Amino acid sequence: MIDRLKPVTCSAVSCKICGNRAELYGVVDFHKSCEELRGVSFLLSGVPVYYYRCTGCKFVFTEAFDQWSIEQFKVNIYNEQYKLVDPEYEHEVRPRRLGEMVARLWDRYKTETRVLDYGGGNDGFCAVLRQRGFPVAVTYDPMVPQYAQRPEGKFDLVTCFETLEHMPDPVGGIGSILEFSADAGLILFSTVVQPADFDQHRLNWWYVAPRNGHVSIFSKPALTAVWDRHGYKVVSFDDTIHLAFRTLPHFLAHLDSSALDRQKTNAA
């Protein structure tokens, strides 16, 4: 039995990011998951989840879970069945792949880089960094009891993989991430942005997946706008991996103004 969702309203609501008018966009079953990309589907739950889309920044979101507590998310989404809709969550493949990527990119600076993995699940990512010689690599995840204690201090690099799309309040959620970032810190994160042909897929797109907890589906303009509200710029390396910052450190000087101009063009 799924806990009560926030009742849907047919009238337009305010976009959670830019405040513009967001129209009711469509509805999917609660059991719609990312596994549909692999051709796997689950029995219908009979529980409709409605999404809105902003007329301005094109952000797609649902209000259905806005009133849930962390405990309700644990019971209804991040439970023992979660591994069925995200098989890589408990495996070493994804955290090891990401850990090796970050270790390679930051190898020359690892002794001076404090790393926090926000929403890091089972600590697999940070375990790779520690093995590769990073003196401080800490996991924080409010949904996982053994890593739910808030870490102390500020961090030079905060990573946040496949987390933003789980945030019912994207502005506040990013604010909570930035609480741990040093003044000149970097935020390396992943979330899949809407493809160019999203209007053809609409809510049939595989990443719109309430059973995975995907309640916030970003467009490129929405991603730029939500970080801009905190005074951060964003560079996207592709449709999945992104870097947010106030000021680029010297070792990332190759991400110069021309790269930022290209990013702005892509977000337009």
C-alpha atoms as a PDB file:
ATOM      1  CA  MET A   1       0.000   0.000   0.000  1.00  0.00           C
ATOM      2  CA  ILE A   2       1.541   3.287  -1.133  1.00  0.00           C
ATOM      3  CA  ASP A   3       1.301   6.250   1.217  1.00  0.00           C
ATOM      4  CA  ARG A   4      -1.073   9.032   0.237  1.00  0.00           C
ATOM      5  CA  LEU A   5       0.216  11.364  -2.466  1.00  0.00           C
ATOM      6  CA  LYS A   6      -0.450  15.079  -2.644  1.00  0.00           C
ATOM      7  CA  PRO A   7      -3.703  15.611  -4.593  1.00  0.00           C
ATOM      8  CA  VAL A   8      -3.202  16.884  -8.129  1.00  0.00           C
ATOM      9  CA  THR A   9      -4.584  20.199  -9.304  1.00  0.00           C
ATOM     10  CA  CYS A  10      -5.618  20.702 -12.915  1.00  0.00           C
ATOM     11  CA  SER A  11      -4.791  24.395 -12.834  1.00  0.00           C
ATOM     12  CA  ALA A  12      -1.301  25.667 -13.550  1.00  0.00           C
ATOM     13  CA  VAL A  13       1.232  25.854 -10.711  1.00  0.00           C
ATOM     14  CA  SER A  14       4.462  27.791 -10.235  1.00  0.00           C
ATOM     15  CA  CYS A  15       7.673  26.243 -11.491  1.00  0.00           C
ATOM     16  CA  LYS A  16       9.830  25.090  -8.580  1.00  0.00           C
ATOM     17  CA  ILE A  17      12.898  26.634 -10.201  1.00  0.00           C
ATOM     18  CA  CYS A  18      12.040  29.816 -12.098  1.00  0.00           C
ATOM     19  CA  GLY A  19       8.529  30.554 -10.818  1.00  0.00           C
ATOM     20  CA  ASN A  20       6.973  30.691 -14.269  1.00  0.00           C
ATOM     21  CA  ARG A  21       3.687  29.037 -15.122  1.00  0.00           C
ATOM     22  CA  ALA A  22       3.871  25.230 -15.164  1.00  0.00           C
ATOM     23  CA  GLU A  23       1.074  23.364 -16.904  1.00  0.00           C
ATOM     24  CA  LEU A  24      -0.139  19.861 -16.174  1.00  0.00           C
ATOM     25  CA  TYR A  25       1.885  17.751 -18.623  1.00  0.00           C
ATOM     26  CA  GLY A  26       0.810  14.134 -18.177  1.00  0.00           C
ATOM     27  CA  VAL A  27       0.487  11.142 -15.901  1.00  0.00           C
ATOM     28  CA  VAL A  28       2.295   7.829 -15.398  1.00  0.00           C
ATOM     29  CA  ASP A  29       1.813   4.875 -13.092  1.00  0.00           C
ATOM     30  CA  PHE A  30       3.809   4.894  -9.846  1.00  0.00           C
ATOM     31  CA  HIS A  31       5.589   1.691 -10.943  1.00  0.00           C
ATOM     32  CA  LYS A  32       7.100   3.280 -14.066  1.00  0.00           C
ATOM     33  CA  SER A  33      10.857   2.778 -13.670  1.00  0.00           C
ATOM     34  CA  CYS A  34      14.162   3.291 -15.462  1.00  0.00           C
ATOM     35  CA  GLU A  35      14.295  -0.432 -16.150  1.00  0.00           C
ATOM     36  CA  GLU A  36      11.959   0.199 -19.069  1.00  0.00           C
ATOM     37  CA  LEU A  37      15.114   1.248 -20.941  1.00  0.00           C
ATOM     38  CA  ARG A  38      16.192  -2.413 -20.697  1.00  0.00           C
ATOM     39  CA  GLY A  39      12.779  -3.664 -21.704  1.00  0.00           C
ATOM     40  CA  VAL A  40      11.744  -4.536 -18.137  1.00  0.00           C
ATOM     41  CA  SER A  41       8.363  -3.407 -16.852  1.00  0.00           C
ATOM     42  CA  PHE A  42       6.469  -4.052 -13.638  1.00  0.00           C
ATOM     43  CA  LEU A  43       2.827  -4.646 -12.845  1.00  0.00           C
ATOM     44  CA  LEU A  44       0.806  -1.449 -12.664  1.00  0.00           C
ATOM     45  CA  SER A  45       0.269  -0.108  -9.172  1.00  0.00           C
ATOM     46  CA  GLY A  46      -2.941   1.711 -10.040  1.00  0.00           C
ATOM     47  CA  VAL A  47      -1.511   4.860  -8.427  1.00  0.00           C
ATOM     48  CA  PRO A  48      -1.305   7.815 -10.866  1.00  0.00           C
ATOM     49  CA  VAL A  49       1.592  10.262 -10.598  1.00  0.00           C
ATOM     50  CA  TYR A  50       1.045  13.571 -12.402  1.00  0.00           C
ATOM     51  CA  TYR A  51       3.883  15.745 -13.748  1.00  0.00           C
ATOM     52  CA  TYR A  52       3.941  19.433 -14.706  1.00  0.00           C
ATOM     53  CA  ARG A  53       6.168  21.204 -17.211  1.00  0.00           C
ATOM     54  CA  CYS A  54       7.320  24.793 -16.912  1.00  0.00           C
ATOM     55  CA  THR A  55       6.474  27.068 -19.841  1.00  0.00           C
ATOM     56  CA  GLY A  56       9.696  28.972 -19.195  1.00  0.00           C
ATOM     57  CA  CYS A  57      12.686  26.774 -18.314  1.00  0.00           C
ATOM     58  CA  LYS A  58      10.955  23.497 -19.387  1.00  0.00           C
ATOM     59  CA  PHE A  59      11.562  21.857 -16.019  1.00  0.00           C
ATOM     60  CA  VAL A  60       9.378  18.743 -15.552  1.00  0.00           C
ATOM     61  CA  PHE A  61       8.328  17.877 -12.008  1.00  0.00           C
ATOM     62  CA  THR A  62       5.707  16.251  -9.848  1.00  0.00           C
ATOM     63  CA  GLU A  63       4.258  17.576  -6.607  1.00  0.00           C
ATOM     64  CA  ALA A  64       2.942  14.122  -5.644  1.00  0.00           C
ATOM     65  CA  PHE A  65       5.624  13.450  -3.036  1.00  0.00           C
ATOM     66  CA  ASP A  66       6.150  16.992  -1.769  1.00  0.00           C
ATOM     67  CA  GLN A  67       4.521  16.212   1.584  1.00  0.00           C
ATOM     68  CA  TRP A  68       6.367  12.955   2.235  1.00  0.00           C
ATOM     69  CA  SER A  69       8.906  12.629   5.028  1.00  0.00           C
ATOM     70  CA  ILE A  70      12.285  10.909   4.611  1.00  0.00           C
ATOM     71  CA  GLU A  71      10.787   7.898   6.358  1.00  0.00           C
ATOM     72  CA  GLN A  72       7.954   7.712   3.825  1.00  0.00           C
ATOM     73  CA  PHE A  73      10.454   7.774   0.969  1.00  0.00           C
ATOM     74  CA  LYS A  74      12.343   4.927   2.619  1.00  0.00           C
ATOM     75  CA  VAL A  75       9.209   2.846   3.064  1.00  0.00           C
ATOM     76  CA  ASN A  76       7.655   3.461  -0.357  1.00  0.00           C
ATOM     77  CA  ILE A  77      10.599   3.960  -2.728  1.00  0.00           C
ATOM     78  CA  TYR A  78      14.019   3.285  -1.210  1.00  0.00           C
ATOM     79  CA  ASN A  79      13.020  -0.061   0.235  1.00  0.00           C
ATOM     80  CA  GLU A  80      14.115  -3.664  -0.306  1.00  0.00           C
ATOM     81  CA  GLN A  81      12.506  -3.647  -3.755  1.00  0.00           C
ATOM     82  CA  TYR A  82      14.521  -0.645  -4.938  1.00  0.00           C
ATOM     83  CA  LYS A  83      17.272  -2.880  -6.331  1.00  0.00           C
ATOM     84  CA  LEU A  84      14.746  -4.199  -8.862  1.00  0.00           C
ATOM     85  CA  VAL A  85      14.390  -0.762 -10.481  1.00  0.00           C
ATOM     86  CA  ASP A  86      18.055   0.234 -10.073  1.00  0.00           C
ATOM     87  CA  PRO A  87      20.135  -2.978 -10.208  1.00  0.00           C
ATOM     88  CA  GLU A  88      23.450  -1.074 -10.248  1.00  0.00           C
ATOM     89  CA  TYR A  89      22.696   0.621  -6.912  1.00  0.00           C
ATOM     90  CA  GLU A  90      24.096  -2.250  -4.836  1.00  0.00           C
ATOM     91  CA  HIS A  91      26.729  -3.323  -7.355  1.00  0.00           C
ATOM     92  CA  GLU A  92      30.331  -2.132  -7.496  1.00  0.00           C
ATOM     93  CA  VAL A  93      30.294  -1.349 -11.217  1.00  0.00           C
ATOM     94  CA  ARG A  94      28.861   2.183 -11.166  1.00  0.00           C
ATOM     95  CA  PRO A  95      30.668   3.531  -8.057  1.00  0.00           C
ATOM     96  CA  ARG A  96      33.955   1.996  -9.241  1.00  0.00           C
ATOM     97  CA  ARG A  97      33.577   3.502 -12.701  1.00  0.00           C
ATOM     98  CA  LEU A  98      32.842   6.951 -11.268  1.00  0.00           C
ATOM     99  CA  GLY A  99      35.549   6.611  -8.632  1.00  0.00           C
ATOM    100  CA  GLU A 100      38.179   5.772 -11.231  1.00  0.00           C
ATOM    101  CA  MET A 101      37.075   8.741 -13.337  1.00  0.00           C
ATOM    102  CA  VAL A 102      37.411  11.211 -10.465  1.00  0.00           C
ATOM    103  CA  ALA A 103      40.661   9.647  -9.242  1.00  0.00           C
ATOM    104  CA  ARG A 104      42.138  10.058 -12.706  1.00  0.00           C
ATOM    105  CA  LEU A 105      41.005  13.674 -13.110  1.00  0.00           C
ATOM    106  CA  TRP A 106      42.070  14.789  -9.626  1.00  0.00           C
ATOM    107  CA  ASP A 107      45.128  12.551  -9.214  1.00  0.00           C
ATOM    108  CA  ARG A 108      47.677  15.405  -9.132  1.00  0.00           C
ATOM    109  CA  TYR A 109      45.654  17.233  -6.459  1.00  0.00           C
ATOM    110  CA  LYS A 110      44.354  14.375  -4.339  1.00  0.00           C
ATOM    111  CA  THR A 111      46.443  15.140  -1.247  1.00  0.00           C
ATOM    112  CA  GLU A 112      44.924  18.633  -1.040  1.00  0.00           C
ATOM    113  CA  THR A 113      41.356  17.691  -1.985  1.00  0.00           C
ATOM    114  CA  ARG A 114      38.752  16.844   0.626  1.00  0.00           C
ATOM    115  CA  VAL A 115      35.942  14.931  -1.055  1.00  0.00           C
ATOM    116  CA  LEU A 116      32.339  14.478   0.036  1.00  0.00           C
ATOM    117  CA  ASP A 117      30.006  12.183  -1.893  1.00  0.00           C
ATOM    118  CA  TYR A 118      26.498  13.507  -1.242  1.00  0.00           C
ATOM    119  CA  GLY A 119      23.830  10.835  -1.626  1.00  0.00           C
ATOM    120  CA  GLY A 120      26.598   8.260  -1.968  1.00  0.00           C
ATOM    121  CA  GLY A 121      24.619   5.168  -1.020  1.00  0.00           C
ATOM    122  CA  ASN A 122      26.904   2.319   0.017  1.00  0.00           C
ATOM    123  CA  ASP A 123      30.243   4.222   0.103  1.00  0.00           C
ATOM    124  CA  GLY A 124      31.583   2.352  -2.939  1.00  0.00           C
ATOM    125  CA  PHE A 125      32.646   5.535  -4.723  1.00  0.00           C
ATOM    126  CA  CYS A 126      34.572   6.935  -1.747  1.00  0.00           C
ATOM    127  CA  ALA A 127      36.172   3.543  -1.097  1.00  0.00           C
ATOM    128  CA  VAL A 128      37.760   3.754  -4.565  1.00  0.00           C
ATOM    129  CA  LEU A 129      39.098   7.252  -3.854  1.00  0.00           C
ATOM    130  CA  ARG A 130      40.590   6.174  -0.539  1.00  0.00           C
ATOM    131  CA  GLN A 131      42.234   3.226  -2.251  1.00  0.00           C
ATOM    132  CA  ARG A 132      43.685   5.628  -4.812  1.00  0.00           C
ATOM    133  CA  GLY A 133      45.278   7.795  -2.112  1.00  0.00           C
ATOM    134  CA  PHE A 134      42.725  10.496  -1.351  1.00  0.00           C
ATOM    135  CA  PRO A 135      43.205  11.233   2.376  1.00  0.00           C
ATOM    136  CA  VAL A 136      39.611  12.406   2.914  1.00  0.00           C
ATOM    137  CA  ALA A 137      36.702  10.846   0.996  1.00  0.00           C
ATOM    138  CA  VAL A 138      33.464  10.776   2.983  1.00  0.00           C
ATOM    139  CA  THR A 139      29.990   9.493   2.115  1.00  0.00           C
ATOM    140  CA  TYR A 140      26.851  11.265   3.294  1.00  0.00           C
ATOM    141  CA  ASP A 141      23.409   9.886   2.504  1.00  0.00           C
ATOM    142  CA  PRO A 142      20.366  10.709   4.665  1.00  0.00           C
ATOM    143  CA  MET A 143      18.582   7.644   3.249  1.00  0.00           C
ATOM    144  CA  VAL A 144      21.248   5.180   4.420  1.00  0.00           C
ATOM    145  CA  PRO A 145      21.493   4.826   8.223  1.00  0.00           C
ATOM    146  CA  GLN A 146      25.228   4.058   8.395  1.00  0.00           C
ATOM    147  CA  TYR A 147      26.045   7.195   6.377  1.00  0.00           C
ATOM    148  CA  ALA A 148      23.284   9.513   7.573  1.00  0.00           C
ATOM    149  CA  GLN A 149      25.379  11.462  10.098  1.00  0.00           C
ATOM    150  CA  ARG A 150      26.248  14.923   8.815  1.00  0.00           C
ATOM    151  CA  PRO A 151      29.981  15.271   8.141  1.00  0.00           C
ATOM    152  CA  GLU A 152      31.994  18.073   9.682  1.00  0.00           C
ATOM    153  CA  GLY A 153      33.910  20.771   7.874  1.00  0.00           C
ATOM    154  CA  LYS A 154      33.925  21.959   4.276  1.00  0.00           C
ATOM    155  CA  PHE A 155      34.984  20.041   1.195  1.00  0.00           C
ATOM    156  CA  ASP A 156      36.955  21.051  -1.897  1.00  0.00           C
ATOM    157  CA  LEU A 157      35.044  18.633  -4.108  1.00  0.00           C
ATOM    158  CA  VAL A 158      31.465  17.578  -3.513  1.00  0.00           C
ATOM    159  CA  THR A 159      30.215  14.832  -5.795  1.00  0.00           C
ATOM    160  CA  CYS A 160      26.545  14.116  -6.250  1.00  0.00           C
ATOM    161  CA  PHE A 161      25.729  11.333  -8.684  1.00  0.00           C
ATOM    162  CA  GLU A 162      22.159  10.552  -9.730  1.00  0.00           C
ATOM    163  CA  THR A 163      20.710  12.580  -6.862  1.00  0.00           C
ATOM    164  CA  LEU A 164      19.253  15.867  -8.141  1.00  0.00           C
ATOM    165  CA  GLU A 165      16.440  14.105  -9.977  1.00  0.00           C
ATOM    166  CA  HIS A 166      15.359  12.629  -6.603  1.00  0.00           C
ATOM    167  CA  MET A 167      14.865  16.041  -4.972  1.00  0.00           C
ATOM    168  CA  PRO A 168      11.250  17.283  -4.622  1.00  0.00           C
ATOM    169  CA  ASP A 169      12.684  20.725  -3.826  1.00  0.00           C
ATOM    170  CA  PRO A 170      15.580  21.229  -6.265  1.00  0.00           C
ATOM    171  CA  VAL A 171      16.495  24.725  -5.061  1.00  0.00           C
ATOM    172  CA  GLY A 172      16.528  23.719  -1.401  1.00  0.00           C
ATOM    173  CA  GLY A 173      18.191  20.403  -2.193  1.00  0.00           C
ATOM    174  CA  ILE A 174      21.080  22.063  -3.988  1.00  0.00           C
ATOM    175  CA  GLY A 175      21.321  24.490  -1.090  1.00  0.00           C
ATOM    176  CA  SER A 176      21.814  21.541   1.264  1.00  0.00           C
ATOM    177  CA  ILE A 177      24.625  20.243  -0.959  1.00  0.00           C
ATOM    178  CA  LEU A 178      26.335  23.623  -0.945  1.00  0.00           C
ATOM    179  CA  GLU A 179      26.337  23.708   2.848  1.00  0.00           C
ATOM    180  CA  PHE A 180      29.294  21.312   2.638  1.00  0.00           C
ATOM    181  CA  SER A 181      31.207  23.052  -0.127  1.00  0.00           C
ATOM    182  CA  ALA A 182      34.257  25.215   0.506  1.00  0.00           C
ATOM    183  CA  ASP A 183      34.135  28.767  -0.828  1.00  0.00           C
ATOM    184  CA  ALA A 184      36.164  27.776  -3.886  1.00  0.00           C
ATOM    185  CA  GLY A 185      34.726  24.283  -3.986  1.00  0.00           C
ATOM    186  CA  LEU A 186      33.507  22.356  -7.009  1.00  0.00           C
ATOM    187  CA  ILE A 187      30.356  20.300  -7.376  1.00  0.00           C
ATOM    188  CA  LEU A 188      30.685  17.368  -9.774  1.00  0.00           C
ATOM    189  CA  PHE A 189      27.299  15.806 -10.359  1.00  0.00           C
ATOM    190  CA  SER A 190      25.267  13.691 -12.715  1.00  0.00           C
ATOM    191  CA  THR A 191      21.666  13.849 -13.815  1.00  0.00           C
ATOM    192  CA  VAL A 192      20.325  13.117 -17.289  1.00  0.00           C
ATOM    193  CA  VAL A 193      18.873  16.204 -18.942  1.00  0.00           C
ATOM    194  CA  GLN A 194      15.941  16.142 -21.329  1.00  0.00           C
ATOM    195  CA  PRO A 195      16.968  15.178 -24.876  1.00  0.00           C
ATOM    196  CA  ALA A 196      16.322  17.392 -27.884  1.00  0.00           C
ATOM    197  CA  ASP A 197      13.354  15.233 -28.876  1.00  0.00           C
ATOM    198  CA  PHE A 198      11.774  15.198 -25.416  1.00  0.00           C
ATOM    199  CA  ASP A 199       8.531  16.631 -26.792  1.00  0.00           C
ATOM    200  CA  GLN A 200       8.140  13.482 -28.849  1.00  0.00           C
ATOM    201  CA  HIS A 201       8.728  11.153 -25.885  1.00  0.00           C
ATOM    202  CA  ARG A 202       6.991  13.258 -23.257  1.00  0.00           C
ATOM    203  CA  LEU A 203       6.484  11.191 -20.076  1.00  0.00           C
ATOM    204  CA  ASN A 204       7.247   7.989 -21.968  1.00  0.00           C
ATOM    205  CA  TRP A 205      10.929   8.975 -21.768  1.00  0.00           C
ATOM    206  CA  TRP A 206      12.736   6.310 -19.728  1.00  0.00           C
ATOM    207  CA  TYR A 207      14.160   8.724 -17.132  1.00  0.00           C
ATOM    208  CA  VAL A 208      10.695   9.840 -15.996  1.00  0.00           C
ATOM    209  CA  ALA A 209      10.428   7.155 -13.354  1.00  0.00           C
ATOM    210  CA  PRO A 210       8.540   7.724 -10.086  1.00  0.00           C
ATOM    211  CA  ARG A 211       9.374   4.230  -8.812  1.00  0.00           C
ATOM    212  CA  ASN A 212      13.030   5.233  -8.989  1.00  0.00           C
ATOM    213  CA  GLY A 213      12.197   8.418  -7.117  1.00  0.00           C
ATOM    214  CA  HIS A 214      12.746  10.602 -10.193  1.00  0.00           C
ATOM    215  CA  VAL A 215      10.578  13.564  -9.316  1.00  0.00           C
ATOM    216  CA  SER A 216      12.619  16.335 -11.000  1.00  0.00           C
ATOM    217  CA  ILE A 217      13.512  16.081 -14.685  1.00  0.00           C
ATOM    218  CA  PHE A 218      15.825  18.884 -15.807  1.00  0.00           C
ATOM    219  CA  SER A 219      16.172  20.591 -19.137  1.00  0.00           C
ATOM    220  CA  LYS A 220      19.486  22.332 -19.832  1.00  0.00           C
ATOM    221  CA  PRO A 221      17.958  25.779 -19.185  1.00  0.00           C
ATOM    222  CA  ALA A 222      16.428  24.518 -15.926  1.00  0.00           C
ATOM    223  CA  LEU A 223      19.770  23.121 -14.797  1.00  0.00           C
ATOM    224  CA  THR A 224      21.472  26.438 -15.513  1.00  0.00           C
ATOM    225  CA  ALA A 225      18.706  28.367 -13.753  1.00  0.00           C
ATOM    226  CA  VAL A 226      18.627  26.304 -10.567  1.00  0.00           C
ATOM    227  CA  TRP A 227      22.387  26.628  -9.979  1.00  0.00           C
ATOM    228  CA  ASP A 228      22.308  30.308 -10.929  1.00  0.00           C
ATOM    229  CA  ARG A 229      19.919  30.901  -8.034  1.00  0.00           C
ATOM    230  CA  HIS A 230      22.838  29.976  -5.749  1.00  0.00           C
ATOM    231  CA  GLY A 231      25.397  32.019  -7.699  1.00  0.00           C
ATOM    232  CA  TYR A 232      26.946  29.014  -9.462  1.00  0.00           C
ATOM    233  CA  LYS A 233      27.739  28.425 -13.116  1.00  0.00           C
ATOM    234  CA  VAL A 234      27.402  25.039 -14.777  1.00  0.00           C
ATOM    235  CA  VAL A 235      29.459  23.334 -17.462  1.00  0.00           C
ATOM    236  CA  SER A 236      27.990  20.145 -18.939  1.00  0.00           C
ATOM    237  CA  PHE A 237      30.461  17.627 -20.342  1.00  0.00           C
ATOM    238  CA  ASP A 238      27.595  15.690 -21.914  1.00  0.00           C
ATOM    239  CA  ASP A 239      23.907  15.114 -21.196  1.00  0.00           C
ATOM    240  CA  THR A 240      24.744  13.381 -17.898  1.00  0.00           C
ATOM    241  CA  ILE A 241      27.926  14.722 -16.235  1.00  0.00           C
ATOM    242  CA  HIS A 242      28.075  18.343 -15.070  1.00  0.00           C
ATOM    243  CA  LEU A 243      30.335  20.653 -13.045  1.00  0.00           C
ATOM    244  CA  ALA A 244      29.064  23.560 -10.934  1.00  0.00           C
ATOM    245  CA  PHE A 245      31.342  26.268  -9.548  1.00  0.00           C
ATOM    246  CA  ARG A 246      31.666  29.900  -8.540  1.00  0.00           C
ATOM    247  CA  THR A 247      35.266  30.264  -9.689  1.00  0.00           C
ATOM    248  CA  LEU A 248      37.268  27.727 -11.668  1.00  0.00           C
ATOM    249  CA  PRO A 249      40.508  26.591  -9.980  1.00  0.00           C
ATOM    250  CA  HIS A 250      43.754  26.917 -11.917  1.00  0.00           C
ATOM    251  CA  PHE A 251      43.909  23.250 -12.919  1.00  0.00           C
ATOM    252  CA  LEU A 252      40.591  23.614 -14.763  1.00  0.00           C
ATOM    253  CA  ALA A 253      41.642  26.725 -16.642  1.00  0.00           C
ATOM    254  CA  HIS A 254      40.967  24.912 -19.931  1.00  0.00           C
ATOM    255  CA  LEU A 255      37.250  25.402 -19.172  1.00  0.00           C
ATOM    256  CA  ASP A 256      37.630  29.014 -20.269  1.00  0.00           C
ATOM    257  CA  SER A 257      35.082  31.597 -21.280  1.00  0.00           C
ATOM    258  CA  SER A 258      34.623  30.004 -24.693  1.00  0.00           C
ATOM    259  CA  ALA A 259      33.506  26.776 -23.021  1.00  0.00           C
ATOM    260  CA  LEU A 260      31.060  28.719 -20.887  1.00  0.00           C
ATOM    261  CA  ASP A 261      29.746  30.525 -23.975  1.00  0.00           C
ATOM    262  CA  ARG A 262      29.133  27.171 -25.649  1.00  0.00           C
ATOM    263  CA  GLN A 263      27.283  26.013 -22.547  1.00  0.00           C
ATOM    264  CA  LYS A 264      25.047  29.091 -22.639  1.00  0.00           C
ATOM    265  CA  THR A 265      24.334  28.482 -26.315  1.00  0.00           C
ATOM    266  CA  ASN A 266      23.342  24.875 -25.620  1.00  0.00           C
ATOM    267  CA  ALA A 267      21.067  25.973 -22.770  1.00  0.00           C
ATOM    268  CA  ALA A 268      19.221  28.505 -24.919  1.00  0.00           C
END
